[in-house]
Structures are given as C-alpha cells and as structure tokens.
Amino acid sequence: MVRITITFCVFTVFVAASAYAEQQQGQDVITIIPGASDKNNPAFFDVTYYHIQVGKEVKWYNADDVNHKIIILSGDETNAAGIENKKVIESGDIKPKTSFLYKFDKEGTYRFSSPIYPWMHGNLIVSNDISTSAMTNNLNNSIAIQLSWYPSKPKAVLGEAEGQEQQTHFIIKFINEKSNKIQEHIDYRFVIYDKSNKSVFEQGLHSGWGVEQTAYKFTNPGNYRAEVTINYILFAPVSPDVAKFNIVVT
C-alpha cells in the first residue's frame, strides 16, 4: 500500500530576519511561531516532535510577539490514565526574539508544553539510538539537506499494531551553507522507496521554518531509500536538489 500525504500551505507568515538568528547549524531549536498564543492558529511550534542525542541542548526560540513559557515533563501524553508525569523544569518568561535552553542528560521521552496556552504541546525523544546524515556536496543551491531518524535501525512491524512506538520518526533540516543557518521557506518532497524502487510513503510540503517532521511505519524488512528534493526556495523555483539516504529495516 502506498501512503501519500500532500499538504499545501495557503497562508504566508512574514517575520523579521532576526527570527532565524537562533537557527544555527548543529543547534537543536524548536521555534514558537508567530500567533502561537491564538488557539485558532494552524500551528504553534515549527515541530511538535523532536529527537536528540543524550547530553544535547534544545533551545525554544520565541518568534511570536508576546511572552511565552515552556514546561518540560518526563513522559508524554500517551501515558496510561493515573500515571502522573514528573515536572523536569519550567522556564521563566521567554520574551519575543529570546530563547529558553535546557540540556537533556537522561534518556527518555519528554513532553513540552505551555502552562499559559494549553493547546501548545509536543513530544521530545532523548536517545543515542538516532541516525543523522547530511548531503552537502554536488548541490545546485548551496542548501545542505540533513535527515535524522529514530530508531537508527528501524524494525518492520507486522499486522495492525498502532502507536508512535511502532513508527520510525524523521526530522528534516535545510541548512544554508553560506550563512550556516537553517534556511526558511523551502518547498520540498520527501519520498521513501522500497528495494523494488516502489514509493511506499510520500510527503510534500512548504517548510516555513526549515525544519520538518514526519513518521512512517515500515511493514517489511529490507533496504529502503529516502529522498528529499528541494523545488522552491523563498517562494522561487530553483533547479532541484535531491538528497538520497539509505535505511536498513530489520
């Protein structure tokens, strides 16, 4: 079965260039996007799922025009009823164009949310079981394409098993090699092919912030190829760049 997810963005958010100053290559940044305090906004963070290596820092950057706070809990929203998540830390006020930084020294699943705006929340995985690869050579547009996935060695899931723990999670980053910053406003296509070169998953999106998330449940073991193609940068068509990544599913 081929699963296809195609989403087209019909709105544009313009922010000052300084909003991207925090998005340096090698940093792990989750952005509170403009309008996040409005529960009718279509999104509140640039990503609501993220994974990092143990010992890494995550920075929550406030690109909104009002103050925000972040609270971090151990566990996620899938915990069984009656099991209370433990508070790890709560930020003070994160003023516009400033950040809150926290270093994750313990492996596990965490939930981040806003104590002020309850509709703002997401999950974060801290693990050393993460693969990260980047394509930086032979590119037309000087935009490096980085793909990371958790777990690093996906396992095929047979039957109708449900739940995030059955999925392989992907994070895609687009990095401007000249500025060494995350490149905003990228139109891209992410496709996973099986060993017979058949597409088994596809996602096409406009990435306003240059960091994207997706997930796929592999149902058969084997060698797979993931491809990320850039077609537009800053709303202008470009000569496509294609990055290819090999994934072994056991």
C-alpha atoms as a PDB file:
ATOM      1  CA  MET A   1       0.000   0.000   0.000  1.00  0.00           C
ATOM      2  CA  VAL A   2       1.276   3.475  -0.876  1.00  0.00           C
ATOM      3  CA  ARG A   3       0.631   6.144   1.697  1.00  0.00           C
ATOM      4  CA  ILE A   4       0.628   9.660   0.302  1.00  0.00           C
ATOM      5  CA  THR A   5       0.395  12.850   2.313  1.00  0.00           C
ATOM      6  CA  ILE A   6       0.281  16.041   0.293  1.00  0.00           C
ATOM      7  CA  THR A   7      -0.335  19.340   2.046  1.00  0.00           C
ATOM      8  CA  PHE A   8      -0.330  22.774   0.514  1.00  0.00           C
ATOM      9  CA  CYS A   9       0.106  25.897   2.590  1.00  0.00           C
ATOM     10  CA  VAL A  10      -2.320  28.671   1.672  1.00  0.00           C
ATOM     11  CA  PHE A  11      -1.037  31.307   4.020  1.00  0.00           C
ATOM     12  CA  THR A  12       2.270  33.102   4.407  1.00  0.00           C
ATOM     13  CA  VAL A  13       3.870  34.256   7.639  1.00  0.00           C
ATOM     14  CA  PHE A  14       6.439  37.017   7.382  1.00  0.00           C
ATOM     15  CA  VAL A  15       8.855  37.603  10.237  1.00  0.00           C
ATOM     16  CA  ALA A  16      11.971  39.637  10.695  1.00  0.00           C
ATOM     17  CA  ALA A  17      15.239  38.081   9.618  1.00  0.00           C
ATOM     18  CA  SER A  18      16.412  38.134  13.242  1.00  0.00           C
ATOM     19  CA  ALA A  19      13.837  35.447  13.980  1.00  0.00           C
ATOM     20  CA  TYR A  20      16.138  32.948  12.366  1.00  0.00           C
ATOM     21  CA  ALA A  21      19.302  34.018  14.160  1.00  0.00           C
ATOM     22  CA  GLU A  22      18.906  31.190  16.659  1.00  0.00           C
ATOM     23  CA  GLN A  23      18.752  28.548  13.932  1.00  0.00           C
ATOM     24  CA  GLN A  24      22.442  27.780  13.573  1.00  0.00           C
ATOM     25  CA  GLN A  25      23.707  24.560  12.014  1.00  0.00           C
ATOM     26  CA  GLY A  26      24.325  21.950  14.681  1.00  0.00           C
ATOM     27  CA  GLN A  27      21.907  23.534  17.138  1.00  0.00           C
ATOM     28  CA  ASP A  28      18.634  21.905  18.117  1.00  0.00           C
ATOM     29  CA  VAL A  29      15.965  24.591  18.061  1.00  0.00           C
ATOM     30  CA  ILE A  30      12.196  24.379  18.414  1.00  0.00           C
ATOM     31  CA  THR A  31      10.529  27.619  17.341  1.00  0.00           C
ATOM     32  CA  ILE A  32       7.427  29.123  18.916  1.00  0.00           C
ATOM     33  CA  ILE A  33       5.897  30.530  15.760  1.00  0.00           C
ATOM     34  CA  PRO A  34       4.027  33.825  15.336  1.00  0.00           C
ATOM     35  CA  GLY A  35       0.421  33.643  16.535  1.00  0.00           C
ATOM     36  CA  ALA A  36       1.014  30.646  18.822  1.00  0.00           C
ATOM     37  CA  SER A  37      -0.952  32.291  21.632  1.00  0.00           C
ATOM     38  CA  ASP A  38      -4.089  32.057  19.456  1.00  0.00           C
ATOM     39  CA  LYS A  39      -5.601  28.563  19.692  1.00  0.00           C
ATOM     40  CA  ASN A  40      -7.155  29.071  16.245  1.00  0.00           C
ATOM     41  CA  ASN A  41      -3.690  29.328  14.680  1.00  0.00           C
ATOM     42  CA  PRO A  42      -2.978  26.338  12.377  1.00  0.00           C
ATOM     43  CA  ALA A  43       0.300  25.627  14.227  1.00  0.00           C
ATOM     44  CA  PHE A  44       2.066  26.716  17.425  1.00  0.00           C
ATOM     45  CA  PHE A  45       5.581  25.245  17.100  1.00  0.00           C
ATOM     46  CA  ASP A  46       7.550  24.610  13.911  1.00  0.00           C
ATOM     47  CA  VAL A  47       7.692  20.944  15.015  1.00  0.00           C
ATOM     48  CA  THR A  48       5.698  19.099  17.683  1.00  0.00           C
ATOM     49  CA  TYR A  49       8.009  16.074  17.675  1.00  0.00           C
ATOM     50  CA  TYR A  50      11.777  16.187  18.001  1.00  0.00           C
ATOM     51  CA  HIS A  51      14.600  13.765  18.845  1.00  0.00           C
ATOM     52  CA  ILE A  52      18.111  14.449  20.125  1.00  0.00           C
ATOM     53  CA  GLN A  53      21.163  12.622  21.423  1.00  0.00           C
ATOM     54  CA  VAL A  54      21.669  12.261  25.181  1.00  0.00           C
ATOM     55  CA  GLY A  55      23.579  15.249  26.547  1.00  0.00           C
ATOM     56  CA  LYS A  56      22.385  17.676  23.857  1.00  0.00           C
ATOM     57  CA  GLU A  57      20.696  21.016  24.480  1.00  0.00           C
ATOM     58  CA  VAL A  58      17.385  22.091  22.999  1.00  0.00           C
ATOM     59  CA  LYS A  59      16.535  25.743  22.565  1.00  0.00           C
ATOM     60  CA  TRP A  60      12.949  27.004  22.441  1.00  0.00           C
ATOM     61  CA  TYR A  61      13.044  30.227  20.443  1.00  0.00           C
ATOM     62  CA  ASN A  62      10.158  32.692  20.685  1.00  0.00           C
ATOM     63  CA  ALA A  63       9.398  34.116  17.232  1.00  0.00           C
ATOM     64  CA  ASP A  64       5.997  35.329  18.475  1.00  0.00           C
ATOM     65  CA  ASP A  65       5.315  38.906  19.577  1.00  0.00           C
ATOM     66  CA  VAL A  66       4.173  38.009  23.115  1.00  0.00           C
ATOM     67  CA  ASN A  67       5.886  36.364  26.080  1.00  0.00           C
ATOM     68  CA  HIS A  68       5.750  32.562  26.400  1.00  0.00           C
ATOM     69  CA  LYS A  69       6.718  29.923  28.957  1.00  0.00           C
ATOM     70  CA  ILE A  70       7.722  26.291  28.484  1.00  0.00           C
ATOM     71  CA  ILE A  71       7.271  23.462  30.954  1.00  0.00           C
ATOM     72  CA  ILE A  72       9.044  20.124  30.423  1.00  0.00           C
ATOM     73  CA  LEU A  73       7.649  16.884  31.854  1.00  0.00           C
ATOM     74  CA  SER A  74       9.027  13.364  31.780  1.00  0.00           C
ATOM     75  CA  GLY A  75       6.826  11.058  29.708  1.00  0.00           C
ATOM     76  CA  ASP A  76       4.297  12.049  27.033  1.00  0.00           C
ATOM     77  CA  GLU A  77       0.554  12.287  26.521  1.00  0.00           C
ATOM     78  CA  THR A  78       0.301   8.537  25.819  1.00  0.00           C
ATOM     79  CA  ASN A  79       0.914   7.656  29.477  1.00  0.00           C
ATOM     80  CA  ALA A  80      -1.753   5.413  30.973  1.00  0.00           C
ATOM     81  CA  ALA A  81      -4.513   7.051  32.993  1.00  0.00           C
ATOM     82  CA  GLY A  82      -3.487   7.683  36.562  1.00  0.00           C
ATOM     83  CA  ILE A  83       0.246   7.929  35.856  1.00  0.00           C
ATOM     84  CA  GLU A  84       1.366  11.475  36.553  1.00  0.00           C
ATOM     85  CA  ASN A  85       4.219  12.930  34.539  1.00  0.00           C
ATOM     86  CA  LYS A  86       7.049  14.435  36.589  1.00  0.00           C
ATOM     87  CA  LYS A  87       7.947  18.081  36.038  1.00  0.00           C
ATOM     88  CA  VAL A  88      11.566  18.449  34.938  1.00  0.00           C
ATOM     89  CA  ILE A  89      11.796  22.222  34.625  1.00  0.00           C
ATOM     90  CA  GLU A  90       9.718  25.313  33.894  1.00  0.00           C
ATOM     91  CA  SER A  91      11.108  28.344  32.110  1.00  0.00           C
ATOM     92  CA  GLY A  92      10.602  31.908  33.132  1.00  0.00           C
ATOM     93  CA  ASP A  93       9.152  34.362  30.650  1.00  0.00           C
ATOM     94  CA  ILE A  94      10.573  33.847  27.168  1.00  0.00           C
ATOM     95  CA  LYS A  95      10.340  37.314  25.654  1.00  0.00           C
ATOM     96  CA  PRO A  96       9.953  37.824  21.897  1.00  0.00           C
ATOM     97  CA  LYS A  97      13.169  37.070  19.985  1.00  0.00           C
ATOM     98  CA  THR A  98      14.734  35.369  23.024  1.00  0.00           C
ATOM     99  CA  SER A  99      15.188  31.706  23.975  1.00  0.00           C
ATOM    100  CA  PHE A 100      14.938  29.123  26.722  1.00  0.00           C
ATOM    101  CA  LEU A 101      17.673  26.473  26.755  1.00  0.00           C
ATOM    102  CA  TYR A 102      17.726  23.092  28.501  1.00  0.00           C
ATOM    103  CA  LYS A 103      20.264  20.261  28.403  1.00  0.00           C
ATOM    104  CA  PHE A 104      18.870  16.691  28.416  1.00  0.00           C
ATOM    105  CA  ASP A 105      21.250  14.380  30.269  1.00  0.00           C
ATOM    106  CA  LYS A 106      18.859  11.466  30.749  1.00  0.00           C
ATOM    107  CA  GLU A 107      17.484   9.179  28.056  1.00  0.00           C
ATOM    108  CA  GLY A 108      13.722   9.007  27.753  1.00  0.00           C
ATOM    109  CA  THR A 109      10.546  10.563  26.424  1.00  0.00           C
ATOM    110  CA  TYR A 110       9.632  14.116  27.407  1.00  0.00           C
ATOM    111  CA  ARG A 111       6.629  16.339  26.882  1.00  0.00           C
ATOM    112  CA  PHE A 112       6.976  20.081  26.380  1.00  0.00           C
ATOM    113  CA  SER A 113       4.015  22.406  26.701  1.00  0.00           C
ATOM    114  CA  SER A 114       2.900  25.882  27.650  1.00  0.00           C
ATOM    115  CA  PRO A 115       1.490  26.479  31.156  1.00  0.00           C
ATOM    116  CA  ILE A 116      -0.216  29.586  29.761  1.00  0.00           C
ATOM    117  CA  TYR A 117      -1.615  28.248  26.473  1.00  0.00           C
ATOM    118  CA  PRO A 118      -2.571  24.562  26.949  1.00  0.00           C
ATOM    119  CA  TRP A 119      -3.023  23.937  23.208  1.00  0.00           C
ATOM    120  CA  MET A 120       0.740  24.343  22.767  1.00  0.00           C
ATOM    121  CA  HIS A 121       2.475  20.993  23.340  1.00  0.00           C
ATOM    122  CA  GLY A 122       4.749  18.394  21.772  1.00  0.00           C
ATOM    123  CA  ASN A 123       6.989  15.390  22.455  1.00  0.00           C
ATOM    124  CA  LEU A 124      10.749  15.019  22.534  1.00  0.00           C
ATOM    125  CA  ILE A 125      12.797  11.784  22.472  1.00  0.00           C
ATOM    126  CA  VAL A 126      16.260  11.742  24.077  1.00  0.00           C
ATOM    127  CA  SER A 127      18.262   8.728  22.908  1.00  0.00           C
ATOM    128  CA  ASN A 128      21.584   7.642  21.430  1.00  0.00           C
ATOM    129  CA  ASP A 129      19.648   5.406  19.043  1.00  0.00           C
ATOM    130  CA  ILE A 130      19.457   8.095  16.338  1.00  0.00           C
ATOM    131  CA  SER A 131      20.970   8.174  12.833  1.00  0.00           C
ATOM    132  CA  THR A 132      21.839  11.501  11.220  1.00  0.00           C
ATOM    133  CA  SER A 133      23.118  12.013   7.697  1.00  0.00           C
ATOM    134  CA  ALA A 134      23.546  15.116   5.553  1.00  0.00           C
ATOM    135  CA  MET A 135      24.095  15.757   1.856  1.00  0.00           C
ATOM    136  CA  THR A 136      26.379  18.740   1.307  1.00  0.00           C
ATOM    137  CA  ASN A 137      28.135  18.008  -1.998  1.00  0.00           C
ATOM    138  CA  ASN A 138      27.017  18.383  -5.620  1.00  0.00           C
ATOM    139  CA  LEU A 139      24.192  20.757  -4.728  1.00  0.00           C
ATOM    140  CA  ASN A 140      22.838  23.414  -7.057  1.00  0.00           C
ATOM    141  CA  ASN A 141      21.555  25.800  -4.406  1.00  0.00           C
ATOM    142  CA  SER A 142      24.061  25.624  -1.522  1.00  0.00           C
ATOM    143  CA  ILE A 143      21.391  24.223   0.781  1.00  0.00           C
ATOM    144  CA  ALA A 144      22.562  21.181   2.747  1.00  0.00           C
ATOM    145  CA  ILE A 145      19.842  18.604   3.377  1.00  0.00           C
ATOM    146  CA  GLN A 146      20.025  16.771   6.702  1.00  0.00           C
ATOM    147  CA  LEU A 147      17.898  13.771   7.641  1.00  0.00           C
ATOM    148  CA  SER A 148      17.813  12.064  11.032  1.00  0.00           C
ATOM    149  CA  TRP A 149      15.662   9.151  12.145  1.00  0.00           C
ATOM    150  CA  TYR A 150      14.752   7.344  15.347  1.00  0.00           C
ATOM    151  CA  PRO A 151      15.280   4.496  15.919  1.00  0.00           C
ATOM    152  CA  SER A 152      18.529   4.275  13.977  1.00  0.00           C
ATOM    153  CA  LYS A 153      17.759   0.686  12.925  1.00  0.00           C
ATOM    154  CA  PRO A 154      14.014   0.538  12.257  1.00  0.00           C
ATOM    155  CA  LYS A 155      12.198  -2.731  12.742  1.00  0.00           C
ATOM    156  CA  ALA A 156       9.387  -3.933  10.496  1.00  0.00           C
ATOM    157  CA  VAL A 157       6.010  -4.005  12.236  1.00  0.00           C
ATOM    158  CA  LEU A 158       3.686  -6.787  11.133  1.00  0.00           C
ATOM    159  CA  GLY A 159      -0.077  -6.701  11.482  1.00  0.00           C
ATOM    160  CA  GLU A 160      -2.131  -3.750  12.630  1.00  0.00           C
ATOM    161  CA  ALA A 161      -0.064  -2.620  15.620  1.00  0.00           C
ATOM    162  CA  GLU A 162      -0.720   1.025  16.408  1.00  0.00           C
ATOM    163  CA  GLY A 163       1.107   3.715  18.350  1.00  0.00           C
ATOM    164  CA  GLN A 164       4.031   6.072  17.910  1.00  0.00           C
ATOM    165  CA  GLU A 165       6.413   3.454  19.298  1.00  0.00           C
ATOM    166  CA  GLN A 166       5.740   1.401  16.150  1.00  0.00           C
ATOM    167  CA  GLN A 167       6.822   4.217  13.832  1.00  0.00           C
ATOM    168  CA  THR A 168      10.148   5.500  12.574  1.00  0.00           C
ATOM    169  CA  HIS A 169      10.348   9.246  13.165  1.00  0.00           C
ATOM    170  CA  PHE A 170      12.177  11.562  10.770  1.00  0.00           C
ATOM    171  CA  ILE A 171      13.468  15.109  11.175  1.00  0.00           C
ATOM    172  CA  ILE A 172      14.429  17.037   8.013  1.00  0.00           C
ATOM    173  CA  LYS A 173      16.572  20.178   8.148  1.00  0.00           C
ATOM    174  CA  PHE A 174      17.543  22.560   5.359  1.00  0.00           C
ATOM    175  CA  ILE A 175      20.814  24.420   6.068  1.00  0.00           C
ATOM    176  CA  ASN A 176      22.096  27.393   4.102  1.00  0.00           C
ATOM    177  CA  GLU A 177      25.784  26.610   3.636  1.00  0.00           C
ATOM    178  CA  LYS A 178      26.737  30.262   3.098  1.00  0.00           C
ATOM    179  CA  SER A 179      25.147  31.627   6.283  1.00  0.00           C
ATOM    180  CA  ASN A 180      25.410  28.358   8.262  1.00  0.00           C
ATOM    181  CA  LYS A 181      21.790  28.898   9.333  1.00  0.00           C
ATOM    182  CA  ILE A 182      18.587  26.971   8.834  1.00  0.00           C
ATOM    183  CA  GLN A 183      17.020  28.062   5.532  1.00  0.00           C
ATOM    184  CA  GLU A 184      13.408  29.163   5.824  1.00  0.00           C
ATOM    185  CA  HIS A 185      10.721  28.837   3.131  1.00  0.00           C
ATOM    186  CA  ILE A 186      11.618  25.623   1.320  1.00  0.00           C
ATOM    187  CA  ASP A 187       9.195  23.648  -0.849  1.00  0.00           C
ATOM    188  CA  TYR A 188      10.275  20.018  -0.690  1.00  0.00           C
ATOM    189  CA  ARG A 189       9.231  16.441  -1.383  1.00  0.00           C
ATOM    190  CA  PHE A 190      10.117  13.524   0.905  1.00  0.00           C
ATOM    191  CA  VAL A 191       9.729  10.010  -0.520  1.00  0.00           C
ATOM    192  CA  ILE A 192      10.630   6.551   0.805  1.00  0.00           C
ATOM    193  CA  TYR A 193      11.267   3.794  -1.762  1.00  0.00           C
ATOM    194  CA  ASP A 194      11.471   0.060  -1.077  1.00  0.00           C
ATOM    195  CA  LYS A 195      14.062  -2.306  -2.598  1.00  0.00           C
ATOM    196  CA  SER A 196      11.967  -2.652  -5.762  1.00  0.00           C
ATOM    197  CA  ASN A 197      12.090   1.140  -6.202  1.00  0.00           C
ATOM    198  CA  LYS A 198       8.402   1.447  -5.339  1.00  0.00           C
ATOM    199  CA  SER A 199       7.267   4.515  -3.414  1.00  0.00           C
ATOM    200  CA  VAL A 200       5.790   3.476  -0.055  1.00  0.00           C
ATOM    201  CA  PHE A 201       5.480   6.934   1.550  1.00  0.00           C
ATOM    202  CA  GLU A 202       5.400  10.486   0.260  1.00  0.00           C
ATOM    203  CA  GLN A 203       5.072  13.900   1.844  1.00  0.00           C
ATOM    204  CA  GLY A 204       5.176  17.220   0.042  1.00  0.00           C
ATOM    205  CA  LEU A 205       5.118  20.466   1.986  1.00  0.00           C
ATOM    206  CA  HIS A 206       6.137  24.090   2.202  1.00  0.00           C
ATOM    207  CA  SER A 207       8.558  24.406   5.114  1.00  0.00           C
ATOM    208  CA  GLY A 208       8.233  27.906   6.532  1.00  0.00           C
ATOM    209  CA  TRP A 209      10.901  27.396   9.164  1.00  0.00           C
ATOM    210  CA  GLY A 210      13.288  24.951   7.504  1.00  0.00           C
ATOM    211  CA  VAL A 211      12.771  22.098   9.985  1.00  0.00           C
ATOM    212  CA  GLU A 212      10.190  19.373   9.329  1.00  0.00           C
ATOM    213  CA  GLN A 213       8.936  16.197  10.979  1.00  0.00           C
ATOM    214  CA  THR A 214       7.229  13.076   9.691  1.00  0.00           C
ATOM    215  CA  ALA A 215       6.854   9.396  10.602  1.00  0.00           C
ATOM    216  CA  TYR A 216       6.362   6.094   8.801  1.00  0.00           C
ATOM    217  CA  LYS A 217       5.657   2.528   9.957  1.00  0.00           C
ATOM    218  CA  PHE A 218       7.746   0.026   7.982  1.00  0.00           C
ATOM    219  CA  THR A 219       5.861  -3.239   7.480  1.00  0.00           C
ATOM    220  CA  ASN A 220       8.568  -5.226   5.683  1.00  0.00           C
ATOM    221  CA  PRO A 221      12.291  -5.671   6.381  1.00  0.00           C
ATOM    222  CA  GLY A 222      14.840  -4.780   3.735  1.00  0.00           C
ATOM    223  CA  ASN A 223      16.820  -1.923   2.232  1.00  0.00           C
ATOM    224  CA  TYR A 224      14.970   1.353   1.696  1.00  0.00           C
ATOM    225  CA  ARG A 225      15.960   4.660   0.104  1.00  0.00           C
ATOM    226  CA  ALA A 226      14.703   8.013   1.363  1.00  0.00           C
ATOM    227  CA  GLU A 227      14.890  11.013  -0.959  1.00  0.00           C
ATOM    228  CA  VAL A 228      14.449  14.692  -0.126  1.00  0.00           C
ATOM    229  CA  THR A 229      14.013  17.020  -3.115  1.00  0.00           C
ATOM    230  CA  ILE A 230      14.116  20.829  -2.962  1.00  0.00           C
ATOM    231  CA  ASN A 231      11.990  22.551  -5.625  1.00  0.00           C
ATOM    232  CA  TYR A 232      11.465  26.109  -4.318  1.00  0.00           C
ATOM    233  CA  ILE A 233      13.496  28.412  -2.057  1.00  0.00           C
ATOM    234  CA  LEU A 234      11.970  31.626  -0.691  1.00  0.00           C
ATOM    235  CA  PHE A 235       8.912  31.043  -2.924  1.00  0.00           C
ATOM    236  CA  ALA A 236      11.014  30.973  -6.113  1.00  0.00           C
ATOM    237  CA  PRO A 237      11.505  27.845  -8.285  1.00  0.00           C
ATOM    238  CA  VAL A 238      15.063  26.503  -8.342  1.00  0.00           C
ATOM    239  CA  SER A 239      16.990  23.792 -10.119  1.00  0.00           C
ATOM    240  CA  PRO A 240      16.027  20.766  -7.979  1.00  0.00           C
ATOM    241  CA  ASP A 241      18.444  19.303  -5.466  1.00  0.00           C
ATOM    242  CA  VAL A 242      17.963  15.662  -4.450  1.00  0.00           C
ATOM    243  CA  ALA A 243      19.493  14.062  -1.359  1.00  0.00           C
ATOM    244  CA  LYS A 244      19.420  10.258  -1.014  1.00  0.00           C
ATOM    245  CA  PHE A 245      19.683   8.296   2.237  1.00  0.00           C
ATOM    246  CA  ASN A 246      19.895   4.543   2.790  1.00  0.00           C
ATOM    247  CA  ILE A 247      17.800   2.969   5.570  1.00  0.00           C
ATOM    248  CA  VAL A 248      18.083  -0.676   6.626  1.00  0.00           C
ATOM    249  CA  VAL A 249      14.951  -2.145   8.199  1.00  0.00           C
ATOM    250  CA  THR A 250      15.279  -5.410  10.124  1.00  0.00           C
END
